[in-house]
Full PDB file with SEQRES, HELIX, SHEET, SSBOND, CRYST1, ORIGX, SCALE, CONECT and MASTER records, all heavy atoms in Angstrom:
SEQRES   1 A   30  ALA LEU GLN GLY LEU VAL GLN SER SER ILE TYR SER VAL          
SEQRES   2 A   30  PRO LEU VAL ALA LEU SER VAL VAL SER LEU PRO VAL VAL          
SEQRES   3 A   30  ALA LEU THR ARG                                              
HELIX    1 AA1 LEU A    2  GLN A    7  1                                   6    
HELIX    2 AA2 ILE A   10  SER A   12  5                                   3    
HELIX    3 AA3 VAL A   13  ALA A   27  1                                  15    
CRYST1    1.000    1.000    1.000  90.00  90.00  90.00 P 1           1          
ORIGX1      1.000000  0.000000  0.000000        0.00000                         
ORIGX2      0.000000  1.000000  0.000000        0.00000                         
ORIGX3      0.000000  0.000000  1.000000        0.00000                         
SCALE1      1.000000  0.000000  0.000000        0.00000                         
SCALE2      0.000000  1.000000  0.000000        0.00000                         
SCALE3      0.000000  0.000000  1.000000        0.00000                         
ATOM      1  N   ALA A   1     -61.381 -47.078-119.584  1.00  0.00           N  
ATOM      2  CA  ALA A   1     -61.503 -48.383-119.005  1.00  0.00           C  
ATOM      3  C   ALA A   1     -61.444 -48.280-117.507  1.00  0.00           C  
ATOM      4  O   ALA A   1     -62.291 -48.923-116.788  1.00  0.00           O  
ATOM      5  CB  ALA A   1     -60.408 -49.333-119.473  1.00  0.00           C  
ATOM      6  N   LEU A   2     -60.550 -47.501-116.910  1.00  0.00           N  
ATOM      7  CA  LEU A   2     -60.429 -47.348-115.451  1.00  0.00           C  
ATOM      8  C   LEU A   2     -61.669 -46.635-114.893  1.00  0.00           C  
ATOM      9  O   LEU A   2     -62.215 -47.016-113.876  1.00  0.00           O  
ATOM     10  CB  LEU A   2     -59.164 -46.534-115.177  1.00  0.00           C  
ATOM     11  CG  LEU A   2     -58.913 -46.299-113.702  1.00  0.00           C  
ATOM     12  CD1 LEU A   2     -58.723 -47.625-112.938  1.00  0.00           C  
ATOM     13  CD2 LEU A   2     -57.625 -45.417-113.493  1.00  0.00           C  
ATOM     14  N   GLN A   3     -62.140 -45.632-115.586  1.00  0.00           N  
ATOM     15  CA  GLN A   3     -63.372 -44.907-115.107  1.00  0.00           C  
ATOM     16  C   GLN A   3     -64.534 -45.881-115.124  1.00  0.00           C  
ATOM     17  O   GLN A   3     -65.414 -45.846-114.222  1.00  0.00           O  
ATOM     18  CB  GLN A   3     -63.626 -43.734-115.991  1.00  0.00           C  
ATOM     19  CG  GLN A   3     -62.673 -42.547-115.753  1.00  0.00           C  
ATOM     20  CD  GLN A   3     -62.815 -41.461-116.801  1.00  0.00           C  
ATOM     21  OE1 GLN A   3     -63.267 -41.695-117.898  1.00  0.00           O  
ATOM     22  NE2 GLN A   3     -62.440 -40.258-116.473  1.00  0.00           N  
ATOM     23  N   GLY A   4     -64.624 -46.765-116.129  1.00  0.00           N  
ATOM     24  CA  GLY A   4     -65.731 -47.752-116.120  1.00  0.00           C  
ATOM     25  C   GLY A   4     -65.641 -48.734-115.004  1.00  0.00           C  
ATOM     26  O   GLY A   4     -66.611 -49.087-114.391  1.00  0.00           O  
ATOM     27  N   LEU A   5     -64.390 -49.184-114.632  1.00  0.00           N  
ATOM     28  CA  LEU A   5     -64.221 -50.050-113.505  1.00  0.00           C  
ATOM     29  C   LEU A   5     -64.598 -49.319-112.206  1.00  0.00           C  
ATOM     30  O   LEU A   5     -65.266 -49.896-111.313  1.00  0.00           O  
ATOM     31  CB  LEU A   5     -62.754 -50.552-113.426  1.00  0.00           C  
ATOM     32  CG  LEU A   5     -62.372 -51.549-114.512  1.00  0.00           C  
ATOM     33  CD1 LEU A   5     -60.904 -51.765-114.429  1.00  0.00           C  
ATOM     34  CD2 LEU A   5     -63.094 -52.844-114.371  1.00  0.00           C  
ATOM     35  N   VAL A   6     -64.187 -48.060-112.059  1.00  0.00           N  
ATOM     36  CA  VAL A   6     -64.434 -47.350-110.814  1.00  0.00           C  
ATOM     37  C   VAL A   6     -65.943 -47.086-110.627  1.00  0.00           C  
ATOM     38  O   VAL A   6     -66.460 -47.124-109.521  1.00  0.00           O  
ATOM     39  CB  VAL A   6     -63.711 -45.941-110.851  1.00  0.00           C  
ATOM     40  CG1 VAL A   6     -64.137 -45.097-109.666  1.00  0.00           C  
ATOM     41  CG2 VAL A   6     -62.173 -46.240-110.757  1.00  0.00           C  
ATOM     42  N   GLN A   7     -66.605 -46.818-111.705  1.00  0.00           N  
ATOM     43  CA  GLN A   7     -68.082 -46.643-111.584  1.00  0.00           C  
ATOM     44  C   GLN A   7     -68.857 -47.861-111.120  1.00  0.00           C  
ATOM     45  O   GLN A   7     -69.972 -47.696-110.620  1.00  0.00           O  
ATOM     46  CB  GLN A   7     -68.650 -46.180-112.994  1.00  0.00           C  
ATOM     47  CG  GLN A   7     -68.218 -44.733-113.397  1.00  0.00           C  
ATOM     48  CD  GLN A   7     -68.665 -44.357-114.771  1.00  0.00           C  
ATOM     49  OE1 GLN A   7     -69.885 -44.231-114.977  1.00  0.00           O  
ATOM     50  NE2 GLN A   7     -67.727 -44.166-115.687  1.00  0.00           N  
ATOM     51  N   SER A   8     -68.285 -49.046-111.250  1.00  0.00           N  
ATOM     52  CA  SER A   8     -68.832 -50.259-110.762  1.00  0.00           C  
ATOM     53  C   SER A   8     -70.314 -50.426-111.002  1.00  0.00           C  
ATOM     54  O   SER A   8     -71.108 -50.762-110.187  1.00  0.00           O  
ATOM     55  CB  SER A   8     -68.647 -50.339-109.183  1.00  0.00           C  
ATOM     56  OG  SER A   8     -67.201 -50.242-108.909  1.00  0.00           O  
ATOM     57  N   SER A   9     -70.671 -50.218-112.294  1.00  0.00           N  
ATOM     58  CA  SER A   9     -72.086 -50.296-112.653  1.00  0.00           C  
ATOM     59  C   SER A   9     -72.206 -51.276-113.819  1.00  0.00           C  
ATOM     60  O   SER A   9     -71.265 -51.474-114.594  1.00  0.00           O  
ATOM     61  CB  SER A   9     -72.564 -48.889-113.150  1.00  0.00           C  
ATOM     62  OG  SER A   9     -73.872 -48.980-113.802  1.00  0.00           O  
ATOM     63  N   ILE A  10     -73.399 -51.874-113.932  1.00  0.00           N  
ATOM     64  CA  ILE A  10     -73.630 -52.796-115.054  1.00  0.00           C  
ATOM     65  C   ILE A  10     -73.605 -52.020-116.374  1.00  0.00           C  
ATOM     66  O   ILE A  10     -73.299 -52.578-117.377  1.00  0.00           O  
ATOM     67  CB  ILE A  10     -75.032 -53.494-114.841  1.00  0.00           C  
ATOM     68  CG1 ILE A  10     -75.195 -54.593-115.873  1.00  0.00           C  
ATOM     69  CG2 ILE A  10     -76.143 -52.395-114.979  1.00  0.00           C  
ATOM     70  CD1 ILE A  10     -76.400 -55.428-115.746  1.00  0.00           C  
ATOM     71  N   TYR A  11     -73.923 -50.705-116.291  1.00  0.00           N  
ATOM     72  CA  TYR A  11     -73.820 -49.908-117.537  1.00  0.00           C  
ATOM     73  C   TYR A  11     -72.387 -49.738-118.044  1.00  0.00           C  
ATOM     74  O   TYR A  11     -72.192 -49.421-119.238  1.00  0.00           O  
ATOM     75  CB  TYR A  11     -74.467 -48.546-117.330  1.00  0.00           C  
ATOM     76  CG  TYR A  11     -75.868 -48.592-116.757  1.00  0.00           C  
ATOM     77  CD1 TYR A  11     -76.224 -48.009-115.601  1.00  0.00           C  
ATOM     78  CD2 TYR A  11     -76.882 -49.271-117.521  1.00  0.00           C  
ATOM     79  CE1 TYR A  11     -77.527 -48.109-115.049  1.00  0.00           C  
ATOM     80  CE2 TYR A  11     -78.236 -49.304-117.038  1.00  0.00           C  
ATOM     81  CZ  TYR A  11     -78.506 -48.754-115.818  1.00  0.00           C  
ATOM     82  OH  TYR A  11     -79.776 -48.820-115.325  1.00  0.00           O  
ATOM     83  N   SER A  12     -71.405 -49.838-117.157  1.00  0.00           N  
ATOM     84  CA  SER A  12     -70.017 -49.541-117.538  1.00  0.00           C  
ATOM     85  C   SER A  12     -69.331 -50.783-118.144  1.00  0.00           C  
ATOM     86  O   SER A  12     -68.187 -50.601-118.557  1.00  0.00           O  
ATOM     87  CB  SER A  12     -69.283 -49.044-116.303  1.00  0.00           C  
ATOM     88  OG  SER A  12     -69.252 -49.915-115.248  1.00  0.00           O  
ATOM     89  N   VAL A  13     -69.973 -51.962-118.113  1.00  0.00           N  
ATOM     90  CA  VAL A  13     -69.263 -53.203-118.592  1.00  0.00           C  
ATOM     91  C   VAL A  13     -68.937 -53.037-120.085  1.00  0.00           C  
ATOM     92  O   VAL A  13     -67.819 -53.337-120.424  1.00  0.00           O  
ATOM     93  CB  VAL A  13     -70.199 -54.396-118.301  1.00  0.00           C  
ATOM     94  CG1 VAL A  13     -69.558 -55.648-118.961  1.00  0.00           C  
ATOM     95  CG2 VAL A  13     -70.354 -54.604-116.774  1.00  0.00           C  
ATOM     96  N   PRO A  14     -69.906 -52.619-120.904  1.00  0.00           N  
ATOM     97  CA  PRO A  14     -69.582 -52.459-122.375  1.00  0.00           C  
ATOM     98  C   PRO A  14     -68.467 -51.438-122.596  1.00  0.00           C  
ATOM     99  O   PRO A  14     -67.577 -51.624-123.455  1.00  0.00           O  
ATOM    100  CB  PRO A  14     -70.826 -51.976-123.019  1.00  0.00           C  
ATOM    101  CG  PRO A  14     -71.923 -52.403-122.113  1.00  0.00           C  
ATOM    102  CD  PRO A  14     -71.344 -52.324-120.724  1.00  0.00           C  
ATOM    103  N   LEU A  15     -68.398 -50.415-121.761  1.00  0.00           N  
ATOM    104  CA  LEU A  15     -67.369 -49.408-121.913  1.00  0.00           C  
ATOM    105  C   LEU A  15     -66.007 -49.974-121.633  1.00  0.00           C  
ATOM    106  O   LEU A  15     -64.994 -49.785-122.313  1.00  0.00           O  
ATOM    107  CB  LEU A  15     -67.615 -48.186-120.960  1.00  0.00           C  
ATOM    108  CG  LEU A  15     -66.519 -47.153-120.828  1.00  0.00           C  
ATOM    109  CD1 LEU A  15     -66.345 -46.476-122.253  1.00  0.00           C  
ATOM    110  CD2 LEU A  15     -66.908 -46.078-119.871  1.00  0.00           C  
ATOM    111  N   VAL A  16     -65.937 -50.746-120.522  1.00  0.00           N  
ATOM    112  CA  VAL A  16     -64.569 -51.361-120.091  1.00  0.00           C  
ATOM    113  C   VAL A  16     -64.185 -52.339-121.245  1.00  0.00           C  
ATOM    114  O   VAL A  16     -63.040 -52.349-121.644  1.00  0.00           O  
ATOM    115  CB  VAL A  16     -64.722 -52.033-118.774  1.00  0.00           C  
ATOM    116  CG1 VAL A  16     -63.434 -52.765-118.491  1.00  0.00           C  
ATOM    117  CG2 VAL A  16     -65.048 -51.068-117.706  1.00  0.00           C  
ATOM    118  N   ALA A  17     -65.078 -53.195-121.631  1.00  0.00           N  
ATOM    119  CA  ALA A  17     -64.785 -54.205-122.633  1.00  0.00           C  
ATOM    120  C   ALA A  17     -64.317 -53.598-123.969  1.00  0.00           C  
ATOM    121  O   ALA A  17     -63.281 -53.943-124.532  1.00  0.00           O  
ATOM    122  CB  ALA A  17     -65.991 -55.130-122.947  1.00  0.00           C  
ATOM    123  N   LEU A  18     -65.066 -52.612-124.473  1.00  0.00           N  
ATOM    124  CA  LEU A  18     -64.680 -52.034-125.734  1.00  0.00           C  
ATOM    125  C   LEU A  18     -63.355 -51.202-125.612  1.00  0.00           C  
ATOM    126  O   LEU A  18     -62.548 -51.146-126.604  1.00  0.00           O  
ATOM    127  CB  LEU A  18     -65.826 -51.065-126.198  1.00  0.00           C  
ATOM    128  CG  LEU A  18     -65.700 -50.528-127.659  1.00  0.00           C  
ATOM    129  CD1 LEU A  18     -65.640 -51.704-128.618  1.00  0.00           C  
ATOM    130  CD2 LEU A  18     -66.910 -49.635-127.944  1.00  0.00           C  
ATOM    131  N   SER A  19     -63.117 -50.577-124.467  1.00  0.00           N  
ATOM    132  CA  SER A  19     -61.876 -49.830-124.322  1.00  0.00           C  
ATOM    133  C   SER A  19     -60.706 -50.808-124.335  1.00  0.00           C  
ATOM    134  O   SER A  19     -59.692 -50.465-124.989  1.00  0.00           O  
ATOM    135  CB  SER A  19     -61.881 -49.043-122.950  1.00  0.00           C  
ATOM    136  OG  SER A  19     -62.880 -48.124-122.972  1.00  0.00           O  
ATOM    137  N   VAL A  20     -60.808 -51.951-123.714  1.00  0.00           N  
ATOM    138  CA  VAL A  20     -59.735 -52.954-123.699  1.00  0.00           C  
ATOM    139  C   VAL A  20     -59.513 -53.500-125.030  1.00  0.00           C  
ATOM    140  O   VAL A  20     -58.345 -53.683-125.536  1.00  0.00           O  
ATOM    141  CB  VAL A  20     -60.041 -54.061-122.697  1.00  0.00           C  
ATOM    142  CG1 VAL A  20     -59.049 -55.185-122.810  1.00  0.00           C  
ATOM    143  CG2 VAL A  20     -60.131 -53.505-121.280  1.00  0.00           C  
ATOM    144  N   VAL A  21     -60.531 -53.735-125.842  1.00  0.00           N  
ATOM    145  CA  VAL A  21     -60.441 -54.265-127.202  1.00  0.00           C  
ATOM    146  C   VAL A  21     -59.833 -53.227-128.183  1.00  0.00           C  
ATOM    147  O   VAL A  21     -59.008 -53.507-129.078  1.00  0.00           O  
ATOM    148  CB  VAL A  21     -61.780 -54.791-127.723  1.00  0.00           C  
ATOM    149  CG1 VAL A  21     -61.753 -55.110-129.214  1.00  0.00           C  
ATOM    150  CG2 VAL A  21     -62.255 -55.953-126.909  1.00  0.00           C  
ATOM    151  N   SER A  22     -60.241 -51.953-127.960  1.00  0.00           N  
ATOM    152  CA  SER A  22     -59.824 -50.869-128.907  1.00  0.00           C  
ATOM    153  C   SER A  22     -58.341 -50.539-128.748  1.00  0.00           C  
ATOM    154  O   SER A  22     -57.712 -50.163-129.722  1.00  0.00           O  
ATOM    155  CB  SER A  22     -60.648 -49.655-128.664  1.00  0.00           C  
ATOM    156  OG  SER A  22     -62.049 -49.945-128.905  1.00  0.00           O  
ATOM    157  N   LEU A  23     -57.825 -50.609-127.573  1.00  0.00           N  
ATOM    158  CA  LEU A  23     -56.465 -50.174-127.343  1.00  0.00           C  
ATOM    159  C   LEU A  23     -55.407 -50.816-128.255  1.00  0.00           C  
ATOM    160  O   LEU A  23     -54.579 -50.192-128.851  1.00  0.00           O  
ATOM    161  CB  LEU A  23     -56.101 -50.302-125.865  1.00  0.00           C  
ATOM    162  CG  LEU A  23     -54.664 -49.781-125.451  1.00  0.00           C  
ATOM    163  CD1 LEU A  23     -54.585 -48.298-125.802  1.00  0.00           C  
ATOM    164  CD2 LEU A  23     -54.426 -50.041-123.979  1.00  0.00           C  
ATOM    165  N   PRO A  24     -55.395 -52.224-128.282  1.00  0.00           N  
ATOM    166  CA  PRO A  24     -54.363 -52.808-129.233  1.00  0.00           C  
ATOM    167  C   PRO A  24     -54.617 -52.532-130.643  1.00  0.00           C  
ATOM    168  O   PRO A  24     -53.665 -52.407-131.516  1.00  0.00           O  
ATOM    169  CB  PRO A  24     -54.521 -54.330-128.892  1.00  0.00           C  
ATOM    170  CG  PRO A  24     -55.861 -54.478-128.283  1.00  0.00           C  
ATOM    171  CD  PRO A  24     -56.112 -53.187-127.584  1.00  0.00           C  
ATOM    172  N   VAL A  25     -55.878 -52.408-131.026  1.00  0.00           N  
ATOM    173  CA  VAL A  25     -56.215 -52.084-132.462  1.00  0.00           C  
ATOM    174  C   VAL A  25     -55.691 -50.744-132.852  1.00  0.00           C  
ATOM    175  O   VAL A  25     -55.038 -50.522-133.892  1.00  0.00           O  
ATOM    176  CB  VAL A  25     -57.754 -52.171-132.734  1.00  0.00           C  
ATOM    177  CG1 VAL A  25     -58.030 -51.715-134.135  1.00  0.00           C  
ATOM    178  CG2 VAL A  25     -58.210 -53.527-132.396  1.00  0.00           C  
ATOM    179  N   VAL A  26     -55.875 -49.741-131.977  1.00  0.00           N  
ATOM    180  CA  VAL A  26     -55.423 -48.346-132.240  1.00  0.00           C  
ATOM    181  C   VAL A  26     -53.870 -48.348-132.138  1.00  0.00           C  
ATOM    182  O   VAL A  26     -53.255 -47.741-133.008  1.00  0.00           O  
ATOM    183  CB  VAL A  26     -56.053 -47.379-131.199  1.00  0.00           C  
ATOM    184  CG1 VAL A  26     -55.377 -45.995-131.411  1.00  0.00           C  
ATOM    185  CG2 VAL A  26     -57.569 -47.276-131.400  1.00  0.00           C  
ATOM    186  N   ALA A  27     -53.355 -49.065-131.264  1.00  0.00           N  
ATOM    187  CA  ALA A  27     -51.881 -49.101-131.082  1.00  0.00           C  
ATOM    188  C   ALA A  27     -51.182 -49.648-132.358  1.00  0.00           C  
ATOM    189  O   ALA A  27     -50.114 -49.161-132.754  1.00  0.00           O  
ATOM    190  CB  ALA A  27     -51.486 -49.937-129.823  1.00  0.00           C  
ATOM    191  N   LEU A  28     -51.838 -50.640-132.992  1.00  0.00           N  
ATOM    192  CA  LEU A  28     -51.208 -51.282-134.165  1.00  0.00           C  
ATOM    193  C   LEU A  28     -51.339 -50.434-135.428  1.00  0.00           C  
ATOM    194  O   LEU A  28     -50.643 -50.643-136.454  1.00  0.00           O  
ATOM    195  CB  LEU A  28     -51.902 -52.645-134.441  1.00  0.00           C  
ATOM    196  CG  LEU A  28     -51.609 -53.739-133.459  1.00  0.00           C  
ATOM    197  CD1 LEU A  28     -52.412 -54.913-133.715  1.00  0.00           C  
ATOM    198  CD2 LEU A  28     -50.068 -54.106-133.463  1.00  0.00           C  
ATOM    199  N   THR A  29     -52.177 -49.382-135.337  1.00  0.00           N  
ATOM    200  CA  THR A  29     -52.308 -48.467-136.527  1.00  0.00           C  
ATOM    201  C   THR A  29     -51.538 -47.206-136.418  1.00  0.00           C  
ATOM    202  O   THR A  29     -51.781 -46.222-137.064  1.00  0.00           O  
ATOM    203  CB  THR A  29     -53.850 -48.135-136.752  1.00  0.00           C  
ATOM    204  OG1 THR A  29     -54.306 -47.436-135.526  1.00  0.00           O  
ATOM    205  CG2 THR A  29     -54.622 -49.386-137.013  1.00  0.00           C  
ATOM    206  N   ARG A  30     -50.534 -47.185-135.646  1.00  0.00           N  
ATOM    207  CA  ARG A  30     -49.727 -45.973-135.337  1.00  0.00           C  
ATOM    208  C   ARG A  30     -49.174 -45.358-136.635  1.00  0.00           C  
ATOM    209  O   ARG A  30     -49.202 -44.159-136.828  1.00  0.00           O  
ATOM    210  CB  ARG A  30     -48.560 -46.322-134.391  1.00  0.00           C  
ATOM    211  CG  ARG A  30     -47.717 -45.083-134.016  1.00  0.00           C  
ATOM    212  CD  ARG A  30     -46.569 -45.450-133.050  1.00  0.00           C  
ATOM    213  NE  ARG A  30     -45.871 -44.300-132.613  1.00  0.00           N  
ATOM    214  CZ  ARG A  30     -44.844 -43.771-133.220  1.00  0.00           C  
ATOM    215  NH1 ARG A  30     -44.412 -44.314-134.443  1.00  0.00           N  
ATOM    216  NH2 ARG A  30     -44.238 -42.704-132.776  1.00  0.00           N  
TER     217      ARG A  30                                                      
MASTER        0    0    0    3    0    0    0    6  216    1    0    3          
END                                                                             
């Protein structure tokens, strides 16, 4: 997510969004 923000590109928007959504899902499946 941080790398996507730093790249500051329109291509990195889906990466940032999916990374943010995936983190709590993965965390809940510990």
